């Protein structure tokens, strides 16, 4: 350093002083918010303006969640609650128990928003089915979580108006998603590889389904993975996932069949989203949902979205003669073994139904009488 640089008050000293260095790195913390927090902030800002604390507090609450899936679900549920409060002339942060209870009752009968057929782009109307138990539970949980967050960050505390509001009971052993057998999964994969309507997307779709199924992944985790997350560890090809459900990390071994399909799809690409659009953008869940719907139709299988893939993978793994529930639990990223066993319970509710035995006896008796 020269003598001139050591002199206080010179241009060089001003540039390198601690105060000036800090000012260089100062930035709006909102720039660090994840996608769903920013989207909720922009939505609320347009409704309430910059002078209202709701947009910042709600977005901060979303950013506080550990997983992308929770952020997305809570942001969606909070929008339903905010719309209800606004339509009833109450600021969301001023809601008391009576209106919170009214929100629960409103969810039970109010039709959902649906797109107007033949209408303008984005035109919606409330003519859909009433909210399902799961959707009502999500909206009530979202609102309750928001007030819980306000209570944590407030010096005086905030009474949660949803503490005494009952939520729908969600049976953990019930799933409305139709399950596929292993044979049906093989048919779906062959259809993706050889018969996908858009030939240019066959390699991507085939690799995506194989990776999703054999690594037992949630769709949001897969769509947030990048090519740079592929690695090699102790003789295994692996996919490094920064976040799984609950905010943890995972290192998933990639079976040879899935690895070969993935490399065929990537064709030497070394950067970017692992599964991307034709313009190298991030593939989103609606696009995957539409693809699976199309494939199911072409394969003659029941239609469903991507979230049933993990259910099928766990169910099929548990059905293997040499299955180890403890290993499957780790593979599925379940913190509690009871979560893994629920997949067995769901299958047994169908496979072991006493109704099959009764029907066989009745059929035999009917055959004997008619003979």
Protein backbone atom coordinates (compact mmCIF):
# COMPACT_ATOMS: atom_id res chain seq x y z
CA UNK A 1 0.00 0.00 0.00
CA UNK A 2 1.38 3.46 -0.91
CA UNK A 3 1.68 6.40 1.49
CA UNK A 4 -1.18 8.08 -0.32
CA UNK A 5 -3.41 5.05 0.32
CA UNK A 6 -2.54 5.19 4.05
CA UNK A 7 -3.54 8.85 4.44
CA UNK A 8 -6.91 9.30 6.12
CA UNK A 9 -9.56 11.07 4.11
CA UNK A 10 -8.16 10.12 0.70
CA UNK A 11 -10.27 8.50 -1.97
CA UNK A 12 -8.60 5.13 -1.45
CA UNK A 13 -9.22 5.20 2.31
CA UNK A 14 -12.90 6.01 1.72
CA UNK A 15 -13.29 3.07 -0.59
CA UNK A 16 -11.63 0.59 1.78
CA UNK A 17 -13.01 1.84 5.14
CA UNK A 18 -15.27 -0.57 7.05
CA UNK A 19 -18.22 1.82 6.82
CA UNK A 20 -17.95 2.22 3.05
CA UNK A 21 -17.46 -1.53 2.63
CA UNK A 22 -20.66 -2.22 4.58
CA UNK A 23 -22.59 0.27 2.51
CA UNK A 24 -21.42 -1.48 -0.63
CA UNK A 25 -23.02 -4.73 0.52
CA UNK A 26 -26.27 -3.23 1.83
CA UNK A 27 -29.28 -4.58 -0.04
CA UNK A 28 -32.97 -4.99 0.49
CA UNK A 29 -33.50 -8.28 2.40
CA UNK A 30 -36.60 -8.82 0.30
CA UNK A 31 -34.25 -9.62 -2.56
CA UNK A 32 -33.42 -12.83 -0.71
CA UNK A 33 -37.00 -14.05 -0.45
CA UNK A 34 -37.80 -17.30 -2.28
CA UNK A 35 -40.20 -17.37 -5.21
CA UNK A 36 -43.46 -18.05 -3.37
CA UNK A 37 -42.75 -15.33 -0.79
CA UNK A 38 -42.12 -12.77 -3.52
CA UNK A 39 -45.25 -13.75 -5.42
CA UNK A 40 -47.41 -13.40 -2.31
CA UNK A 41 -45.77 -10.04 -1.53
CA UNK A 42 -46.49 -8.70 -5.01
CA UNK A 43 -50.08 -9.93 -4.84
CA UNK A 44 -50.75 -8.30 -1.46
CA UNK A 45 -48.84 -5.14 -2.31
CA UNK A 46 -51.19 -4.52 -5.22
CA UNK A 47 -54.15 -4.82 -2.83
CA UNK A 48 -52.91 -3.04 0.30
CA UNK A 49 -50.13 -0.71 -0.85
CA UNK A 50 -46.68 -0.05 0.58
CA UNK A 51 -47.97 1.59 3.76
CA UNK A 52 -49.59 -1.60 5.03
CA UNK A 53 -47.39 -4.12 6.91
CA UNK A 54 -49.37 -7.15 5.68
CA UNK A 55 -47.45 -7.76 2.40
CA UNK A 56 -44.06 -7.74 4.15
CA UNK A 57 -45.18 -9.77 7.17
CA UNK A 58 -46.99 -12.40 5.08
CA UNK A 59 -44.05 -12.77 2.69
CA UNK A 60 -41.61 -13.00 5.62
CA UNK A 61 -43.79 -15.73 7.12
CA UNK A 62 -43.71 -17.70 3.85
CA UNK A 63 -39.94 -17.25 3.56
CA UNK A 64 -39.66 -18.58 7.14
CA UNK A 65 -40.97 -22.01 6.12
CA UNK A 66 -38.46 -24.80 5.68
CA UNK A 67 -39.57 -26.47 2.46
CA UNK A 68 -40.64 -25.18 -0.93
CA UNK A 69 -43.72 -27.40 -0.81
CA UNK A 70 -44.85 -25.86 2.48
CA UNK A 71 -44.23 -22.35 1.13
CA UNK A 72 -46.36 -23.09 -1.90
CA UNK A 73 -49.21 -24.71 0.06
CA UNK A 74 -49.31 -21.99 2.73
CA UNK A 75 -49.19 -19.16 0.19
CA UNK A 76 -52.11 -20.74 -1.68
CA UNK A 77 -54.13 -21.25 1.49
CA UNK A 78 -53.42 -17.74 2.77
CA UNK A 79 -54.75 -16.19 -0.43
CA UNK A 80 -58.09 -17.91 0.19
CA UNK A 81 -58.18 -16.56 3.77
CA UNK A 82 -57.14 -13.06 2.74
CA UNK A 83 -59.85 -12.89 0.07
CA UNK A 84 -62.49 -13.97 2.61
CA UNK A 85 -61.40 -11.39 5.20
CA UNK A 86 -61.28 -8.59 2.62
CA UNK A 87 -64.72 -9.44 1.25
CA UNK A 88 -66.07 -9.29 4.81
CA UNK A 89 -64.61 -5.84 5.39
CA UNK A 90 -61.88 -6.91 7.80
CA UNK A 91 -58.13 -6.59 7.53
CA UNK A 92 -56.60 -10.11 7.71
CA UNK A 93 -54.45 -9.15 10.70
CA UNK A 94 -57.55 -7.89 12.59
CA UNK A 95 -59.57 -11.12 12.30
CA UNK A 96 -61.05 -12.37 15.58
CA UNK A 97 -62.44 -15.78 16.54
CA UNK A 98 -66.00 -15.16 15.31
CA UNK A 99 -64.80 -14.36 11.78
CA UNK A 100 -62.22 -17.17 11.87
CA UNK A 101 -65.05 -19.58 12.70
CA UNK A 102 -67.09 -18.01 9.92
CA UNK A 103 -64.21 -18.71 7.55
CA UNK A 104 -64.39 -22.40 8.46
CA UNK A 105 -68.12 -22.51 7.69
CA UNK A 106 -67.65 -20.50 4.48
CA UNK A 107 -65.08 -23.01 3.20
CA UNK A 108 -67.58 -25.86 3.56
CA UNK A 109 -70.12 -24.45 1.11
CA UNK A 110 -68.38 -21.90 -1.13
CA UNK A 111 -67.64 -23.00 -4.74
CA UNK A 112 -64.04 -22.73 -5.87
CA UNK A 113 -62.79 -20.45 -8.63
CA UNK A 114 -62.65 -22.07 -12.08
CA UNK A 115 -61.73 -20.70 -15.49
CA UNK A 116 -64.57 -19.47 -17.68
CA UNK A 117 -64.84 -21.68 -20.74
CA UNK A 118 -64.58 -19.55 -23.82
CA UNK A 119 -63.87 -16.49 -21.70
CA UNK A 120 -61.00 -14.06 -21.74
CA UNK A 121 -57.56 -15.28 -20.62
CA UNK A 122 -57.50 -15.44 -16.83
CA UNK A 123 -61.26 -14.91 -16.48
CA UNK A 124 -62.53 -16.85 -13.45
CA UNK A 125 -65.87 -17.59 -11.83
CA UNK A 126 -66.92 -19.29 -8.58
CA UNK A 127 -68.79 -22.23 -10.04
CA UNK A 128 -66.47 -25.10 -9.09
CA UNK A 129 -66.95 -27.77 -6.46
CA UNK A 130 -66.78 -26.73 -2.77
CA UNK A 131 -63.37 -26.95 -1.16
CA UNK A 132 -62.26 -30.48 -0.31
CA UNK A 133 -61.36 -31.54 3.22
CA UNK A 134 -57.67 -31.26 2.36
CA UNK A 135 -58.08 -27.78 0.84
CA UNK A 136 -60.09 -26.55 3.83
CA UNK A 137 -57.52 -27.95 6.22
CA UNK A 138 -54.74 -26.24 4.28
CA UNK A 139 -56.44 -22.82 4.32
CA UNK A 140 -57.19 -23.05 8.05
CA UNK A 141 -53.67 -24.27 8.83
CA UNK A 142 -52.18 -21.49 6.71
CA UNK A 143 -54.11 -18.77 8.51
CA UNK A 144 -53.29 -20.28 11.90
CA UNK A 145 -49.60 -20.55 11.02
CA UNK A 146 -49.56 -16.90 9.95
CA UNK A 147 -50.96 -15.73 13.30
CA UNK A 148 -48.53 -18.03 15.10
CA UNK A 149 -45.71 -16.32 13.22
CA UNK A 150 -47.05 -12.88 14.22
CA UNK A 151 -47.11 -14.01 17.84
CA UNK A 152 -43.45 -15.06 17.64
CA UNK A 153 -42.21 -11.77 16.21
CA UNK A 154 -44.46 -9.43 18.21
CA UNK A 155 -43.20 -7.92 21.46
CA UNK A 156 -46.69 -7.92 22.95
CA UNK A 157 -47.87 -11.21 21.50
CA UNK A 158 -50.75 -11.83 19.11
CA UNK A 159 -53.80 -13.92 19.97
CA UNK A 160 -54.31 -16.61 17.35
CA UNK A 161 -58.03 -16.53 16.42
CA UNK A 162 -57.75 -19.99 14.82
CA UNK A 163 -56.62 -21.79 18.00
CA UNK A 164 -60.20 -22.82 18.81
CA UNK A 165 -61.34 -23.39 15.22
CA UNK A 166 -61.88 -27.04 14.37
CA UNK A 167 -60.23 -28.37 11.22
CA UNK A 168 -61.38 -31.21 8.98
CA UNK A 169 -60.13 -34.64 9.96
CA UNK A 170 -57.82 -36.02 7.29
CA UNK A 171 -57.57 -39.81 7.39
CA UNK A 172 -53.85 -40.59 6.90
CA UNK A 173 -54.73 -44.00 5.46
CA UNK A 174 -56.93 -42.58 2.71
CA UNK A 175 -55.77 -41.30 -0.65
CA UNK A 176 -58.03 -40.21 -3.49
CA UNK A 177 -55.19 -40.70 -6.00
CA UNK A 178 -55.57 -43.95 -7.98
CA UNK A 179 -52.55 -46.18 -7.55
CA UNK A 180 -50.71 -47.97 -10.35
CA UNK A 181 -49.48 -51.55 -10.20
CA UNK A 182 -45.90 -52.30 -11.23
CA UNK A 183 -47.20 -53.59 -14.55
CA UNK A 184 -49.09 -50.35 -15.13
CA UNK A 185 -45.95 -48.38 -14.28
CA UNK A 186 -44.00 -50.37 -16.85
CA UNK A 187 -46.69 -49.59 -19.42
CA UNK A 188 -46.54 -45.88 -18.57
CA UNK A 189 -42.75 -45.86 -18.95
CA UNK A 190 -42.86 -47.63 -22.30
CA UNK A 191 -45.50 -45.18 -23.48
CA UNK A 192 -43.31 -42.25 -22.41
CA UNK A 193 -40.25 -43.72 -24.14
CA UNK A 194 -41.86 -44.82 -27.40
CA UNK A 195 -45.26 -43.21 -27.86
CA UNK A 196 -45.23 -39.75 -26.24
CA UNK A 197 -47.28 -37.46 -28.49
CA UNK A 198 -44.36 -35.03 -28.87
CA UNK A 199 -41.37 -37.08 -30.03
CA UNK A 200 -38.88 -34.37 -29.09
CA UNK A 201 -39.87 -34.71 -25.43
CA UNK A 202 -39.76 -38.51 -25.20
CA UNK A 203 -36.23 -38.75 -23.77
CA UNK A 204 -36.95 -36.04 -21.18
CA UNK A 205 -40.24 -37.56 -20.08
CA UNK A 206 -38.88 -41.11 -19.90
CA UNK A 207 -35.85 -40.04 -17.85
CA UNK A 208 -37.95 -37.84 -15.59
CA UNK A 209 -40.40 -40.62 -14.74
CA UNK A 210 -37.63 -43.15 -14.12
CA UNK A 211 -35.74 -40.77 -11.82
CA UNK A 212 -38.91 -39.70 -10.00
CA UNK A 213 -39.97 -43.31 -9.42
CA UNK A 214 -36.66 -45.06 -8.64
CA UNK A 215 -35.34 -42.27 -6.39
CA UNK A 216 -38.70 -41.91 -4.58
CA UNK A 217 -38.79 -38.14 -5.03
CA UNK A 218 -41.37 -35.45 -4.56
CA UNK A 219 -41.96 -33.60 -7.80
CA UNK A 220 -40.91 -30.22 -6.36
CA UNK A 221 -37.56 -31.66 -5.25
CA UNK A 222 -36.91 -33.07 -8.72
CA UNK A 223 -37.86 -29.87 -10.56
CA UNK A 224 -35.52 -27.83 -8.34
CA UNK A 225 -32.55 -30.12 -9.05
CA UNK A 226 -29.80 -28.98 -11.40
CA UNK A 227 -27.34 -30.89 -13.58
CA UNK A 228 -24.58 -29.66 -11.27
CA UNK A 229 -26.26 -31.68 -8.47
CA UNK A 230 -25.30 -34.95 -10.14
CA UNK A 231 -22.28 -36.59 -8.55
CA UNK A 232 -20.36 -39.76 -7.74
CA UNK A 233 -19.90 -41.20 -4.26
CA UNK A 234 -18.49 -44.56 -3.11
CA UNK A 235 -19.14 -46.22 -6.45
CA UNK A 236 -22.64 -44.78 -6.87
CA UNK A 237 -24.01 -42.18 -9.24
CA UNK A 238 -25.94 -39.80 -7.00
CA UNK A 239 -28.26 -36.81 -7.08
CA UNK A 240 -27.63 -34.24 -4.34
CA UNK A 241 -30.83 -32.60 -3.18
CA UNK A 242 -30.43 -29.39 -1.20
CA UNK A 243 -33.92 -29.59 0.26
CA UNK A 244 -36.36 -32.40 0.83
CA UNK A 245 -39.61 -32.21 2.82
CA UNK A 246 -38.91 -30.50 6.14
CA UNK A 247 -35.84 -28.66 4.89
CA UNK A 248 -33.22 -31.41 5.14
CA UNK A 249 -30.66 -32.62 2.61
CA UNK A 250 -30.49 -35.90 0.78
CA UNK A 251 -28.05 -37.82 -1.38
CA UNK A 252 -29.95 -40.21 -3.62
CA UNK A 253 -28.24 -43.09 -5.49
CA UNK A 254 -29.36 -43.31 -9.12
CA UNK A 255 -29.99 -46.86 -10.42
CA UNK A 256 -28.23 -47.75 -13.72
CA UNK A 257 -31.44 -47.76 -15.81
CA UNK A 258 -32.37 -44.28 -14.59
CA UNK A 259 -28.80 -43.03 -15.03
CA UNK A 260 -28.62 -44.28 -18.63
CA UNK A 261 -31.96 -42.67 -19.48
CA UNK A 262 -30.84 -39.43 -17.81
CA UNK A 263 -27.55 -39.31 -19.73
CA UNK A 264 -29.35 -40.05 -22.98
CA UNK A 265 -31.64 -37.09 -22.30
CA UNK A 266 -28.89 -34.69 -21.17
CA UNK A 267 -26.75 -35.54 -24.21
CA UNK A 268 -23.61 -34.02 -22.69
CA UNK A 269 -25.27 -30.99 -21.06
CA UNK A 270 -23.41 -30.09 -17.85
CA UNK A 271 -25.26 -27.07 -16.46
CA UNK A 272 -28.78 -25.77 -15.87
CA UNK A 273 -31.97 -27.30 -14.57
CA UNK A 274 -31.87 -31.08 -14.58
CA UNK A 275 -35.22 -31.16 -16.39
CA UNK A 276 -35.81 -28.03 -18.39
CA UNK A 277 -38.05 -26.54 -21.06
CA UNK A 278 -37.10 -26.23 -24.72
CA UNK A 279 -35.71 -22.76 -23.91
CA UNK A 280 -33.68 -24.11 -20.93
CA UNK A 281 -36.10 -22.63 -18.38
CA UNK A 282 -37.24 -24.46 -15.26
CA UNK A 283 -39.93 -27.05 -15.91
CA UNK A 284 -42.96 -26.47 -13.67
CA UNK A 285 -45.50 -28.78 -12.03
CA UNK A 286 -48.45 -27.86 -14.29
CA UNK A 287 -46.39 -28.92 -17.31
CA UNK A 288 -45.55 -32.26 -15.68
CA UNK A 289 -49.19 -32.72 -14.70
CA UNK A 290 -50.35 -32.17 -18.28
CA UNK A 291 -47.71 -34.59 -19.56
CA UNK A 292 -48.80 -37.34 -17.19
CA UNK A 293 -52.46 -36.81 -18.06
CA UNK A 294 -51.63 -37.18 -21.74
CA UNK A 295 -49.47 -40.26 -21.18
CA UNK A 296 -52.13 -41.94 -19.02
CA UNK A 297 -54.73 -41.41 -21.74
CA UNK A 298 -52.41 -42.80 -24.40
CA UNK A 299 -51.54 -45.81 -22.22
CA UNK A 300 -55.16 -46.49 -21.25
CA UNK A 301 -54.48 -45.85 -17.54
CA UNK A 302 -56.35 -43.79 -14.93
CA UNK A 303 -55.41 -40.10 -15.06
CA UNK A 304 -53.50 -38.57 -12.17
CA UNK A 305 -50.81 -36.06 -11.30
CA UNK A 306 -47.13 -36.47 -10.39
CA UNK A 307 -47.66 -36.70 -6.62
CA UNK A 308 -48.91 -40.29 -6.86
CA UNK A 309 -45.53 -41.43 -8.17
CA UNK A 310 -43.89 -41.46 -4.75
CA UNK A 311 -46.88 -43.30 -3.28
CA UNK A 312 -46.53 -46.02 -5.92
CA UNK A 313 -42.77 -46.29 -5.43
CA UNK A 314 -43.10 -46.83 -1.67
CA UNK A 315 -46.03 -49.23 -2.02
CA UNK A 316 -44.20 -51.34 -4.61
CA UNK A 317 -40.98 -51.38 -2.57
CA UNK A 318 -42.84 -52.51 0.57
CA UNK A 319 -44.47 -55.34 -1.40
CA UNK A 320 -41.11 -56.93 -2.32
CA UNK A 321 -40.49 -60.26 -0.50
CA UNK A 322 -37.17 -59.03 0.91
CA UNK A 323 -38.34 -55.48 1.72
CA UNK A 324 -36.81 -53.68 4.70
CA UNK A 325 -39.20 -51.01 6.05
CA UNK A 326 -36.32 -49.21 7.79
CA UNK A 327 -34.42 -48.85 4.50
CA UNK A 328 -37.56 -47.78 2.65
CA UNK A 329 -38.22 -45.18 5.33
CA UNK A 330 -34.81 -43.59 4.74
CA UNK A 331 -35.22 -43.87 0.96
CA UNK A 332 -38.60 -42.12 1.17
CA UNK A 333 -37.22 -39.36 3.47
CA UNK A 334 -39.77 -40.17 6.17
CA UNK A 335 -38.81 -39.05 9.66
CA UNK A 336 -41.38 -41.36 11.27
CA UNK A 337 -41.65 -45.06 10.47
CA UNK A 338 -45.43 -44.84 10.94
CA UNK A 339 -45.61 -42.64 7.84
CA UNK A 340 -43.98 -45.39 5.78
CA UNK A 341 -46.24 -48.08 7.20
CA UNK A 342 -49.34 -46.13 6.20
CA UNK A 343 -48.59 -47.04 2.59
CA UNK A 344 -48.83 -50.70 3.55
CA UNK A 345 -52.07 -50.02 5.38
CA UNK A 346 -53.60 -48.31 2.34
CA UNK A 347 -52.76 -51.28 0.12
CA UNK A 348 -53.99 -53.83 2.67
CA UNK A 349 -57.32 -52.03 2.93
CA UNK A 350 -57.85 -53.04 -0.70
CA UNK A 351 -55.97 -56.34 -1.02
CA UNK A 352 -57.19 -57.89 2.24
CA UNK A 353 -60.81 -56.78 2.08
CA UNK A 354 -63.06 -59.52 3.60
CA UNK A 355 -65.55 -58.61 0.91
CA UNK A 356 -63.63 -60.69 -1.62
CA UNK A 357 -64.14 -63.85 0.45
CA UNK A 358 -67.81 -63.12 1.00
CA UNK A 359 -68.35 -62.47 -2.70
CA UNK A 360 -66.60 -65.74 -3.62
CA UNK A 361 -68.83 -67.74 -1.24
CA UNK A 362 -71.97 -66.02 -2.49
CA UNK A 363 -70.93 -66.57 -6.11
CA UNK A 364 -70.36 -70.27 -5.38
CA UNK A 365 -73.74 -70.61 -3.72
CA UNK A 366 -75.48 -68.82 -6.58
CA UNK A 367 -73.76 -71.06 -9.11
CA UNK A 368 -74.81 -74.17 -7.16
CA UNK A 369 -78.44 -73.04 -6.94
CA UNK A 370 -78.68 -72.23 -10.62
CA UNK A 371 -77.08 -75.50 -11.55
